[in-house]
Amino acid sequence: MARFKDPNFVAAAFHPYLQPGEQLRNIAFGVKQPSMGLIIPLFLLAIVPGAIATALLTKEYVVALTDRRVIVLHFKGSQIQVQEVLEYALNYHAPAETSTGSIFTHIKINDPAKPFVAKFHRAGMPGNREQAMAIAAALSQPQYPQQFPQQHQQQQPPQQQQPYQQQYPGQPQ
């Protein structure tokens, strides 16, 4: 499992994926390990093969919160060789479930097209717990309807308002 001592090294991995003017706010390192139902039998068969299989089946991620979206990089190796990129707009994304315990922060995005699940250990890199909690908090915020550019909005003619008339009981309309 990769562990990073320098958050700036991890931040540099996101620069090719940033939009013009987009600013990084938080960065965290997380993993998705195989289920315990698979890990326990593998370790019961033999410790070394179980450890190797678990290491091979573990997925590693670095996640960044920007001023516009959350970017997830699935990578391999300590040099962050990116395998897959996922992104979720802050104002419009699938429902997210987050929780924080004493050791891990869990983030799950329930997007049918691009689901994401990972846990973030507090020792993943300096400040990893706080960074992961900030990303989780951003994903838990109420969302706003996606804003479409003005040229894509349907133009409606202005409606003429009727003059205000107060109605009293028994008054004919």
N, C-alpha and C. Protein backbone atom coordinates (compact mmCIF):
# COMPACT_ATOMS: atom_id res chain seq x y z
N MET A 1 0.85 -1.18 0.00
CA MET A 1 0.00 0.00 0.00
C MET A 1 0.89 1.23 0.00
N ALA A 2 0.58 2.13 -0.89
CA ALA A 2 1.35 3.37 -0.97
C ALA A 2 0.97 4.27 0.20
N ARG A 3 1.96 4.92 0.75
CA ARG A 3 1.74 5.96 1.76
C ARG A 3 2.59 7.13 1.33
N PHE A 4 2.02 8.29 1.42
CA PHE A 4 2.70 9.47 0.91
C PHE A 4 3.08 10.39 2.06
N LYS A 5 4.34 10.82 2.05
CA LYS A 5 4.82 11.76 3.07
C LYS A 5 4.66 13.21 2.63
N ASP A 6 4.61 13.43 1.32
CA ASP A 6 4.54 14.78 0.79
C ASP A 6 3.20 15.01 0.07
N PRO A 7 2.27 15.75 0.67
CA PRO A 7 0.99 16.03 0.00
C PRO A 7 1.15 16.80 -1.31
N ASN A 8 2.23 17.56 -1.47
CA ASN A 8 2.45 18.30 -2.71
C ASN A 8 2.72 17.36 -3.88
N PHE A 9 3.37 16.22 -3.61
CA PHE A 9 3.60 15.22 -4.64
C PHE A 9 2.26 14.67 -5.13
N VAL A 10 1.34 14.41 -4.20
CA VAL A 10 0.02 13.91 -4.56
C VAL A 10 -0.76 14.99 -5.32
N ALA A 11 -0.68 16.23 -4.87
CA ALA A 11 -1.39 17.33 -5.53
C ALA A 11 -0.94 17.48 -6.98
N ALA A 12 0.33 17.25 -7.24
CA ALA A 12 0.85 17.39 -8.61
C ALA A 12 0.20 16.38 -9.55
N ALA A 13 -0.25 15.23 -9.03
CA ALA A 13 -0.89 14.22 -9.89
C ALA A 13 -2.22 14.71 -10.44
N PHE A 14 -2.83 15.70 -9.80
CA PHE A 14 -4.14 16.20 -10.24
C PHE A 14 -4.06 17.31 -11.28
N HIS A 15 -2.91 17.94 -11.42
CA HIS A 15 -2.81 19.10 -12.32
C HIS A 15 -3.22 18.81 -13.76
N PRO A 16 -2.92 17.64 -14.34
CA PRO A 16 -3.39 17.40 -15.72
C PRO A 16 -4.92 17.30 -15.85
N TYR A 17 -5.61 17.09 -14.74
CA TYR A 17 -7.06 16.88 -14.77
C TYR A 17 -7.86 18.10 -14.34
N LEU A 18 -7.18 19.18 -13.99
CA LEU A 18 -7.87 20.39 -13.55
C LEU A 18 -8.34 21.22 -14.73
N GLN A 19 -9.50 21.85 -14.58
CA GLN A 19 -10.02 22.76 -15.59
C GLN A 19 -9.34 24.11 -15.40
N PRO A 20 -9.31 24.96 -16.43
CA PRO A 20 -8.68 26.27 -16.28
C PRO A 20 -9.29 27.05 -15.10
N GLY A 21 -8.44 27.54 -14.22
CA GLY A 21 -8.88 28.32 -13.08
C GLY A 21 -9.36 27.52 -11.89
N GLU A 22 -9.45 26.22 -12.01
CA GLU A 22 -9.93 25.37 -10.92
C GLU A 22 -8.87 25.26 -9.82
N GLN A 23 -9.30 25.33 -8.57
CA GLN A 23 -8.38 25.34 -7.44
C GLN A 23 -8.57 24.10 -6.57
N LEU A 24 -7.46 23.45 -6.21
CA LEU A 24 -7.51 22.33 -5.28
C LEU A 24 -7.78 22.84 -3.87
N ARG A 25 -8.65 22.17 -3.14
CA ARG A 25 -8.93 22.54 -1.75
C ARG A 25 -8.44 21.49 -0.78
N ASN A 26 -8.76 20.21 -1.04
CA ASN A 26 -8.37 19.13 -0.15
C ASN A 26 -7.96 17.92 -0.97
N ILE A 27 -7.01 17.14 -0.43
CA ILE A 27 -6.53 15.93 -1.09
C ILE A 27 -6.39 14.85 -0.05
N ALA A 28 -6.86 13.62 -0.37
CA ALA A 28 -6.76 12.51 0.58
C ALA A 28 -6.42 11.23 -0.16
N PHE A 29 -5.79 10.31 0.55
CA PHE A 29 -5.41 8.99 0.03
C PHE A 29 -6.32 7.95 0.66
N GLY A 30 -6.92 7.08 -0.17
CA GLY A 30 -7.81 6.04 0.34
C GLY A 30 -7.63 4.73 -0.39
N VAL A 31 -8.23 3.68 0.17
CA VAL A 31 -8.16 2.35 -0.42
C VAL A 31 -9.53 1.69 -0.41
N LYS A 32 -9.69 0.74 -1.30
CA LYS A 32 -10.84 -0.16 -1.27
C LYS A 32 -10.28 -1.56 -1.21
N GLN A 33 -10.47 -2.20 -0.07
CA GLN A 33 -9.96 -3.56 0.12
C GLN A 33 -11.05 -4.57 -0.19
N PRO A 34 -10.64 -5.80 -0.50
CA PRO A 34 -11.65 -6.84 -0.72
C PRO A 34 -12.44 -7.07 0.57
N SER A 35 -13.60 -7.68 0.47
CA SER A 35 -14.44 -7.91 1.64
C SER A 35 -13.77 -8.89 2.60
N MET A 36 -14.14 -8.78 3.87
CA MET A 36 -13.59 -9.67 4.89
C MET A 36 -13.96 -11.13 4.60
N GLY A 37 -15.09 -11.35 3.91
CA GLY A 37 -15.49 -12.70 3.53
C GLY A 37 -14.50 -13.34 2.57
N LEU A 38 -13.71 -12.55 1.89
CA LEU A 38 -12.67 -13.07 1.00
C LEU A 38 -11.31 -13.08 1.69
N ILE A 39 -11.04 -12.06 2.48
CA ILE A 39 -9.73 -11.95 3.14
C ILE A 39 -9.52 -13.10 4.14
N ILE A 40 -10.49 -13.38 4.97
CA ILE A 40 -10.33 -14.40 6.02
C ILE A 40 -10.03 -15.78 5.44
N PRO A 41 -10.81 -16.27 4.46
CA PRO A 41 -10.45 -17.59 3.89
C PRO A 41 -9.06 -17.62 3.26
N LEU A 42 -8.66 -16.51 2.62
CA LEU A 42 -7.33 -16.49 2.01
C LEU A 42 -6.24 -16.58 3.06
N PHE A 43 -6.43 -15.90 4.19
CA PHE A 43 -5.44 -15.97 5.26
C PHE A 43 -5.47 -17.33 5.95
N LEU A 44 -6.63 -17.98 6.01
CA LEU A 44 -6.71 -19.30 6.62
C LEU A 44 -5.97 -20.34 5.78
N LEU A 45 -6.00 -20.15 4.45
CA LEU A 45 -5.26 -21.08 3.58
C LEU A 45 -3.76 -20.98 3.84
N ALA A 46 -3.26 -19.79 3.91
CA ALA A 46 -1.84 -19.56 4.21
C ALA A 46 -1.66 -18.05 4.37
N ILE A 47 -0.83 -17.67 5.29
CA ILE A 47 -0.65 -16.25 5.59
C ILE A 47 -0.02 -15.50 4.42
N VAL A 48 1.08 -16.01 3.88
CA VAL A 48 1.78 -15.29 2.81
C VAL A 48 0.92 -15.18 1.55
N PRO A 49 0.34 -16.28 1.05
CA PRO A 49 -0.52 -16.13 -0.13
C PRO A 49 -1.74 -15.24 0.15
N GLY A 50 -2.28 -15.30 1.36
CA GLY A 50 -3.41 -14.45 1.73
C GLY A 50 -3.03 -12.99 1.71
N ALA A 51 -1.85 -12.67 2.23
CA ALA A 51 -1.38 -11.28 2.23
C ALA A 51 -1.13 -10.79 0.81
N ILE A 52 -0.56 -11.65 -0.01
CA ILE A 52 -0.29 -11.27 -1.40
C ILE A 52 -1.59 -11.05 -2.16
N ALA A 53 -2.55 -11.96 -1.99
CA ALA A 53 -3.83 -11.82 -2.69
C ALA A 53 -4.56 -10.56 -2.24
N THR A 54 -4.52 -10.28 -0.94
CA THR A 54 -5.17 -9.08 -0.43
C THR A 54 -4.52 -7.82 -1.01
N ALA A 55 -3.20 -7.80 -1.08
CA ALA A 55 -2.49 -6.65 -1.63
C ALA A 55 -2.81 -6.47 -3.12
N LEU A 56 -2.93 -7.57 -3.85
CA LEU A 56 -3.23 -7.47 -5.28
C LEU A 56 -4.67 -7.03 -5.54
N LEU A 57 -5.60 -7.35 -4.62
CA LEU A 57 -7.00 -7.01 -4.81
C LEU A 57 -7.37 -5.65 -4.23
N THR A 58 -6.45 -5.01 -3.52
CA THR A 58 -6.71 -3.70 -2.93
C THR A 58 -6.53 -2.61 -4.00
N LYS A 59 -7.52 -1.74 -4.10
CA LYS A 59 -7.44 -0.61 -5.03
C LYS A 59 -7.04 0.64 -4.25
N GLU A 60 -6.15 1.43 -4.83
CA GLU A 60 -5.69 2.66 -4.18
C GLU A 60 -6.20 3.88 -4.94
N TYR A 61 -6.58 4.90 -4.17
CA TYR A 61 -7.14 6.12 -4.74
C TYR A 61 -6.52 7.34 -4.09
N VAL A 62 -6.42 8.41 -4.85
CA VAL A 62 -6.23 9.74 -4.29
C VAL A 62 -7.43 10.55 -4.76
N VAL A 63 -7.98 11.32 -3.84
CA VAL A 63 -9.21 12.06 -4.11
C VAL A 63 -8.94 13.52 -3.82
N ALA A 64 -9.40 14.38 -4.72
CA ALA A 64 -9.22 15.82 -4.54
C ALA A 64 -10.58 16.51 -4.56
N LEU A 65 -10.73 17.46 -3.67
CA LEU A 65 -11.88 18.36 -3.66
C LEU A 65 -11.39 19.67 -4.25
N THR A 66 -12.08 20.14 -5.28
CA THR A 66 -11.75 21.43 -5.87
C THR A 66 -12.90 22.39 -5.58
N ASP A 67 -12.80 23.57 -6.09
CA ASP A 67 -13.89 24.53 -5.91
C ASP A 67 -15.10 24.18 -6.77
N ARG A 68 -14.98 23.18 -7.68
CA ARG A 68 -16.07 22.83 -8.58
C ARG A 68 -16.54 21.38 -8.48
N ARG A 69 -15.62 20.47 -8.12
CA ARG A 69 -15.94 19.05 -8.20
C ARG A 69 -15.04 18.22 -7.32
N VAL A 70 -15.33 16.93 -7.28
CA VAL A 70 -14.47 15.95 -6.62
C VAL A 70 -13.87 15.09 -7.73
N ILE A 71 -12.55 14.95 -7.71
CA ILE A 71 -11.83 14.16 -8.71
C ILE A 71 -11.23 12.95 -8.00
N VAL A 72 -11.44 11.75 -8.56
CA VAL A 72 -10.91 10.52 -7.99
C VAL A 72 -9.93 9.92 -8.99
N LEU A 73 -8.71 9.67 -8.55
CA LEU A 73 -7.71 9.00 -9.38
C LEU A 73 -7.45 7.61 -8.82
N HIS A 74 -7.81 6.58 -9.57
CA HIS A 74 -7.45 5.20 -9.21
C HIS A 74 -6.06 4.98 -9.80
N PHE A 75 -5.11 4.56 -8.96
CA PHE A 75 -3.73 4.47 -9.43
C PHE A 75 -3.05 3.20 -8.95
N LYS A 76 -1.88 2.96 -9.50
CA LYS A 76 -1.01 1.86 -9.07
C LYS A 76 0.38 2.43 -8.86
N GLY A 77 1.08 1.89 -7.88
CA GLY A 77 2.47 2.26 -7.65
C GLY A 77 2.65 3.53 -6.87
N SER A 78 3.85 3.71 -6.35
CA SER A 78 4.15 4.87 -5.52
C SER A 78 4.35 6.14 -6.36
N GLN A 79 4.40 6.01 -7.68
CA GLN A 79 4.55 7.19 -8.55
C GLN A 79 3.22 7.66 -9.11
N ILE A 80 2.12 7.14 -8.58
CA ILE A 80 0.75 7.50 -8.98
C ILE A 80 0.57 7.35 -10.49
N GLN A 81 0.65 6.13 -10.96
CA GLN A 81 0.38 5.81 -12.36
C GLN A 81 -1.13 5.65 -12.48
N VAL A 82 -1.80 6.65 -13.02
CA VAL A 82 -3.26 6.71 -13.03
C VAL A 82 -3.84 5.63 -13.95
N GLN A 83 -4.79 4.86 -13.40
CA GLN A 83 -5.49 3.82 -14.14
C GLN A 83 -6.87 4.26 -14.60
N GLU A 84 -7.51 5.12 -13.77
CA GLU A 84 -8.89 5.54 -14.06
C GLU A 84 -9.13 6.88 -13.37
N VAL A 85 -9.96 7.72 -14.00
CA VAL A 85 -10.32 9.02 -13.45
C VAL A 85 -11.84 9.09 -13.34
N LEU A 86 -12.33 9.43 -12.15
CA LEU A 86 -13.76 9.66 -11.93
C LEU A 86 -13.92 11.10 -11.46
N GLU A 87 -15.03 11.72 -11.83
CA GLU A 87 -15.27 13.08 -11.35
C GLU A 87 -16.74 13.25 -11.05
N TYR A 88 -17.02 14.06 -10.03
CA TYR A 88 -18.38 14.32 -9.58
C TYR A 88 -18.52 15.81 -9.32
N ALA A 89 -19.49 16.45 -9.97
CA ALA A 89 -19.72 17.88 -9.77
C ALA A 89 -20.22 18.10 -8.35
N LEU A 90 -19.77 19.17 -7.72
CA LEU A 90 -20.18 19.44 -6.34
C LEU A 90 -21.66 19.79 -6.24
N ASN A 91 -22.20 20.47 -7.24
CA ASN A 91 -23.58 20.91 -7.15
C ASN A 91 -24.57 19.89 -7.70
N TYR A 92 -24.07 18.80 -8.29
CA TYR A 92 -24.98 17.83 -8.89
C TYR A 92 -24.27 16.48 -9.00
N HIS A 93 -24.47 15.62 -8.02
CA HIS A 93 -23.87 14.29 -8.07
C HIS A 93 -24.82 13.29 -7.43
N ALA A 94 -24.54 12.03 -7.60
CA ALA A 94 -25.35 10.98 -7.00
C ALA A 94 -25.26 11.08 -5.48
N PRO A 95 -26.23 10.54 -4.76
CA PRO A 95 -26.18 10.60 -3.30
C PRO A 95 -24.90 9.96 -2.76
N ALA A 96 -24.37 10.58 -1.73
CA ALA A 96 -23.14 10.09 -1.12
C ALA A 96 -23.41 9.72 0.33
N GLU A 97 -22.75 8.66 0.78
CA GLU A 97 -22.81 8.25 2.18
C GLU A 97 -21.41 8.41 2.75
N THR A 98 -21.32 9.06 3.90
CA THR A 98 -20.02 9.26 4.52
C THR A 98 -20.13 8.95 6.00
N SER A 99 -19.02 8.49 6.57
CA SER A 99 -18.95 8.27 8.01
C SER A 99 -17.50 8.41 8.44
N THR A 100 -17.32 8.79 9.68
CA THR A 100 -15.98 8.96 10.22
C THR A 100 -15.90 8.25 11.56
N GLY A 101 -14.88 7.43 11.71
CA GLY A 101 -14.61 6.75 12.97
C GLY A 101 -13.28 7.23 13.50
N SER A 102 -12.75 6.51 14.48
CA SER A 102 -11.49 6.94 15.09
C SER A 102 -10.29 6.69 14.18
N ILE A 103 -10.40 5.74 13.26
CA ILE A 103 -9.27 5.42 12.38
C ILE A 103 -9.57 5.76 10.92
N PHE A 104 -10.77 5.44 10.45
CA PHE A 104 -11.11 5.60 9.04
C PHE A 104 -12.23 6.61 8.82
N THR A 105 -12.16 7.26 7.67
CA THR A 105 -13.29 8.01 7.12
C THR A 105 -13.73 7.24 5.89
N HIS A 106 -15.02 6.94 5.80
CA HIS A 106 -15.56 6.18 4.68
C HIS A 106 -16.36 7.12 3.78
N ILE A 107 -16.15 6.97 2.47
CA ILE A 107 -16.91 7.74 1.48
C ILE A 107 -17.43 6.76 0.44
N LYS A 108 -18.74 6.86 0.18
CA LYS A 108 -19.38 6.03 -0.84
C LYS A 108 -20.27 6.93 -1.67
N ILE A 109 -20.06 6.93 -2.99
CA ILE A 109 -20.90 7.70 -3.91
C ILE A 109 -21.72 6.69 -4.70
N ASN A 110 -23.03 6.75 -4.56
CA ASN A 110 -23.95 5.78 -5.15
C ASN A 110 -24.37 6.17 -6.56
N ASP A 111 -23.41 6.32 -7.42
CA ASP A 111 -23.69 6.67 -8.81
C ASP A 111 -23.75 5.38 -9.62
N PRO A 112 -24.89 5.09 -10.29
CA PRO A 112 -24.98 3.84 -11.03
C PRO A 112 -23.97 3.74 -12.18
N ALA A 113 -23.62 4.86 -12.79
CA ALA A 113 -22.69 4.84 -13.92
C ALA A 113 -21.23 4.78 -13.48
N LYS A 114 -20.90 5.42 -12.35
CA LYS A 114 -19.52 5.47 -11.88
C LYS A 114 -19.48 5.46 -10.35
N PRO A 115 -19.78 4.28 -9.76
CA PRO A 115 -19.79 4.20 -8.30
C PRO A 115 -18.38 4.33 -7.72
N PHE A 116 -18.31 4.80 -6.49
CA PHE A 116 -17.03 4.95 -5.81
C PHE A 116 -17.20 4.61 -4.33
N VAL A 117 -16.30 3.77 -3.82
CA VAL A 117 -16.27 3.42 -2.40
C VAL A 117 -14.82 3.35 -1.98
N ALA A 118 -14.49 3.99 -0.87
CA ALA A 118 -13.13 3.90 -0.33
C ALA A 118 -13.14 4.27 1.14
N LYS A 119 -12.09 3.83 1.82
CA LYS A 119 -11.89 4.25 3.20
C LYS A 119 -10.53 4.93 3.28
N PHE A 120 -10.47 5.94 4.14
CA PHE A 120 -9.30 6.79 4.22
C PHE A 120 -8.71 6.67 5.62
N HIS A 121 -7.56 6.03 5.73
CA HIS A 121 -6.88 5.84 7.02
C HIS A 121 -6.22 7.14 7.44
N ARG A 122 -6.24 7.41 8.70
CA ARG A 122 -5.67 8.68 9.16
C ARG A 122 -4.17 8.75 8.97
N ALA A 123 -3.51 7.61 8.76
CA ALA A 123 -2.06 7.60 8.56
C ALA A 123 -1.68 7.51 7.08
N GLY A 124 -2.63 7.67 6.16
CA GLY A 124 -2.35 7.54 4.73
C GLY A 124 -1.34 8.55 4.23
N MET A 125 -1.41 9.77 4.75
CA MET A 125 -0.44 10.83 4.47
C MET A 125 -0.69 11.92 5.52
N PRO A 126 0.21 12.86 5.68
CA PRO A 126 0.00 13.89 6.70
C PRO A 126 -1.32 14.64 6.50
N GLY A 127 -2.13 14.69 7.56
CA GLY A 127 -3.41 15.38 7.51
C GLY A 127 -4.49 14.63 6.75
N ASN A 128 -4.30 13.35 6.49
CA ASN A 128 -5.24 12.59 5.67
C ASN A 128 -6.64 12.54 6.27
N ARG A 129 -6.72 12.38 7.59
CA ARG A 129 -8.03 12.30 8.24
C ARG A 129 -8.82 13.60 8.04
N GLU A 130 -8.19 14.73 8.30
CA GLU A 130 -8.86 16.02 8.16
C GLU A 130 -9.24 16.30 6.72
N GLN A 131 -8.35 15.94 5.79
CA GLN A 131 -8.63 16.16 4.37
C GLN A 131 -9.81 15.31 3.91
N ALA A 132 -9.82 14.03 4.31
CA ALA A 132 -10.92 13.13 3.94
C ALA A 132 -12.23 13.60 4.56
N MET A 133 -12.19 14.10 5.79
CA MET A 133 -13.40 14.60 6.44
C MET A 133 -13.94 15.83 5.70
N ALA A 134 -13.06 16.69 5.22
CA ALA A 134 -13.49 17.87 4.46
C ALA A 134 -14.15 17.46 3.14
N ILE A 135 -13.59 16.46 2.48
CA ILE A 135 -14.18 15.97 1.22
C ILE A 135 -15.54 15.34 1.52
N ALA A 136 -15.62 14.55 2.58
CA ALA A 136 -16.89 13.93 2.97
C ALA A 136 -17.94 14.99 3.29
N ALA A 137 -17.54 16.05 3.98
CA ALA A 137 -18.48 17.12 4.32
C ALA A 137 -18.99 17.82 3.06
N ALA A 138 -18.13 18.03 2.09
CA ALA A 138 -18.54 18.68 0.84
C ALA A 138 -19.54 17.81 0.08
N LEU A 139 -19.32 16.49 0.09
CA LEU A 139 -20.24 15.59 -0.61
C LEU A 139 -21.57 15.44 0.12
N SER A 140 -21.59 15.77 1.39
CA SER A 140 -22.81 15.65 2.19
C SER A 140 -23.67 16.91 2.16
N GLN A 141 -23.17 17.99 1.57
CA GLN A 141 -23.91 19.24 1.49
C GLN A 141 -25.13 19.09 0.59
N PRO A 142 -26.19 19.88 0.86
CA PRO A 142 -27.34 19.84 -0.05
C PRO A 142 -26.91 20.25 -1.46
N GLN A 143 -27.52 19.60 -2.43
CA GLN A 143 -27.16 19.88 -3.82
C GLN A 143 -28.16 20.83 -4.45
N TYR A 144 -27.72 21.48 -5.46
CA TYR A 144 -28.56 22.42 -6.20
C TYR A 144 -28.78 21.86 -7.59
N PRO A 145 -29.89 22.18 -8.21
CA PRO A 145 -30.10 21.69 -9.58
C PRO A 145 -28.99 22.17 -10.49
N GLN A 146 -28.63 21.33 -11.43
CA GLN A 146 -27.56 21.68 -12.35
C GLN A 146 -27.96 22.89 -13.17
N GLN A 147 -27.08 23.84 -13.26
CA GLN A 147 -27.34 25.06 -14.04
C GLN A 147 -26.90 24.82 -15.48
N PHE A 148 -27.79 25.09 -16.41
CA PHE A 148 -27.44 24.94 -17.81
C PHE A 148 -27.06 26.30 -18.36
N PRO A 149 -26.16 26.33 -19.32
CA PRO A 149 -25.81 27.61 -19.94
C PRO A 149 -27.05 28.28 -20.53
N GLN A 150 -27.04 29.59 -20.59
CA GLN A 150 -28.19 30.38 -21.01
C GLN A 150 -28.70 29.96 -22.38
N GLN A 151 -27.84 29.60 -23.32
CA GLN A 151 -28.29 29.28 -24.66
C GLN A 151 -29.09 27.97 -24.69
N HIS A 152 -28.98 27.13 -23.64
CA HIS A 152 -29.71 25.87 -23.62
C HIS A 152 -31.02 25.97 -22.86
N GLN A 153 -31.28 27.08 -22.21
CA GLN A 153 -32.53 27.24 -21.48
C GLN A 153 -33.63 27.65 -22.46
N GLN A 154 -34.80 27.09 -22.24
CA GLN A 154 -35.93 27.39 -23.13
C GLN A 154 -36.40 28.81 -22.86
N GLN A 155 -36.51 29.58 -23.93
CA GLN A 155 -36.97 30.96 -23.81
C GLN A 155 -38.49 30.98 -23.74
N GLN A 156 -39.04 31.65 -22.74
CA GLN A 156 -40.48 31.78 -22.62
C GLN A 156 -40.85 33.25 -22.76
N PRO A 157 -41.95 33.53 -23.47
CA PRO A 157 -42.34 34.93 -23.62
C PRO A 157 -42.75 35.51 -22.27
N PRO A 158 -42.49 36.78 -22.06
CA PRO A 158 -42.89 37.38 -20.78
C PRO A 158 -44.41 37.38 -20.67
N GLN A 159 -44.88 37.09 -19.47
CA GLN A 159 -46.32 37.06 -19.24
C GLN A 159 -46.77 38.42 -18.72
N GLN A 160 -47.91 38.85 -19.24
CA GLN A 160 -48.44 40.14 -18.82
C GLN A 160 -49.21 39.92 -17.52
N GLN A 161 -48.91 40.73 -16.52
CA GLN A 161 -49.56 40.58 -15.23
C GLN A 161 -50.87 41.35 -15.22
N GLN A 162 -51.85 40.75 -14.58
CA GLN A 162 -53.14 41.41 -14.39
C GLN A 162 -53.01 42.40 -13.23
N PRO A 163 -53.71 43.53 -13.32
CA PRO A 163 -53.65 44.47 -12.20
C PRO A 163 -54.22 43.81 -10.95
N TYR A 164 -53.66 44.19 -9.83
CA TYR A 164 -54.07 43.60 -8.56
C TYR A 164 -55.45 44.10 -8.18
N GLN A 165 -56.34 43.17 -7.87
CA GLN A 165 -57.67 43.51 -7.38
C GLN A 165 -57.96 42.64 -6.18
N GLN A 166 -58.28 43.25 -5.08
CA GLN A 166 -58.60 42.50 -3.89
C GLN A 166 -60.05 42.04 -3.96
N GLN A 167 -60.28 40.79 -3.66
CA GLN A 167 -61.61 40.22 -3.68
C GLN A 167 -62.16 40.16 -2.25
N TYR A 168 -63.42 40.55 -2.12
CA TYR A 168 -64.11 40.47 -0.83
C TYR A 168 -65.18 39.40 -0.92
N PRO A 169 -65.50 38.78 0.22
CA PRO A 169 -66.57 37.76 0.18
C PRO A 169 -67.87 38.38 -0.33
N GLY A 170 -68.55 37.70 -1.22
CA GLY A 170 -69.83 38.15 -1.75
C GLY A 170 -69.68 39.08 -2.93
N GLN A 171 -68.48 39.50 -3.27
CA GLN A 171 -68.24 40.39 -4.41
C GLN A 171 -68.20 39.56 -5.67
N PRO A 172 -68.93 39.96 -6.72
CA PRO A 172 -68.86 39.19 -7.97
C PRO A 172 -67.47 39.30 -8.60
N GLN A 173 -67.08 38.24 -9.25
CA GLN A 173 -65.74 38.22 -9.84
C GLN A 173 -65.71 38.74 -11.24
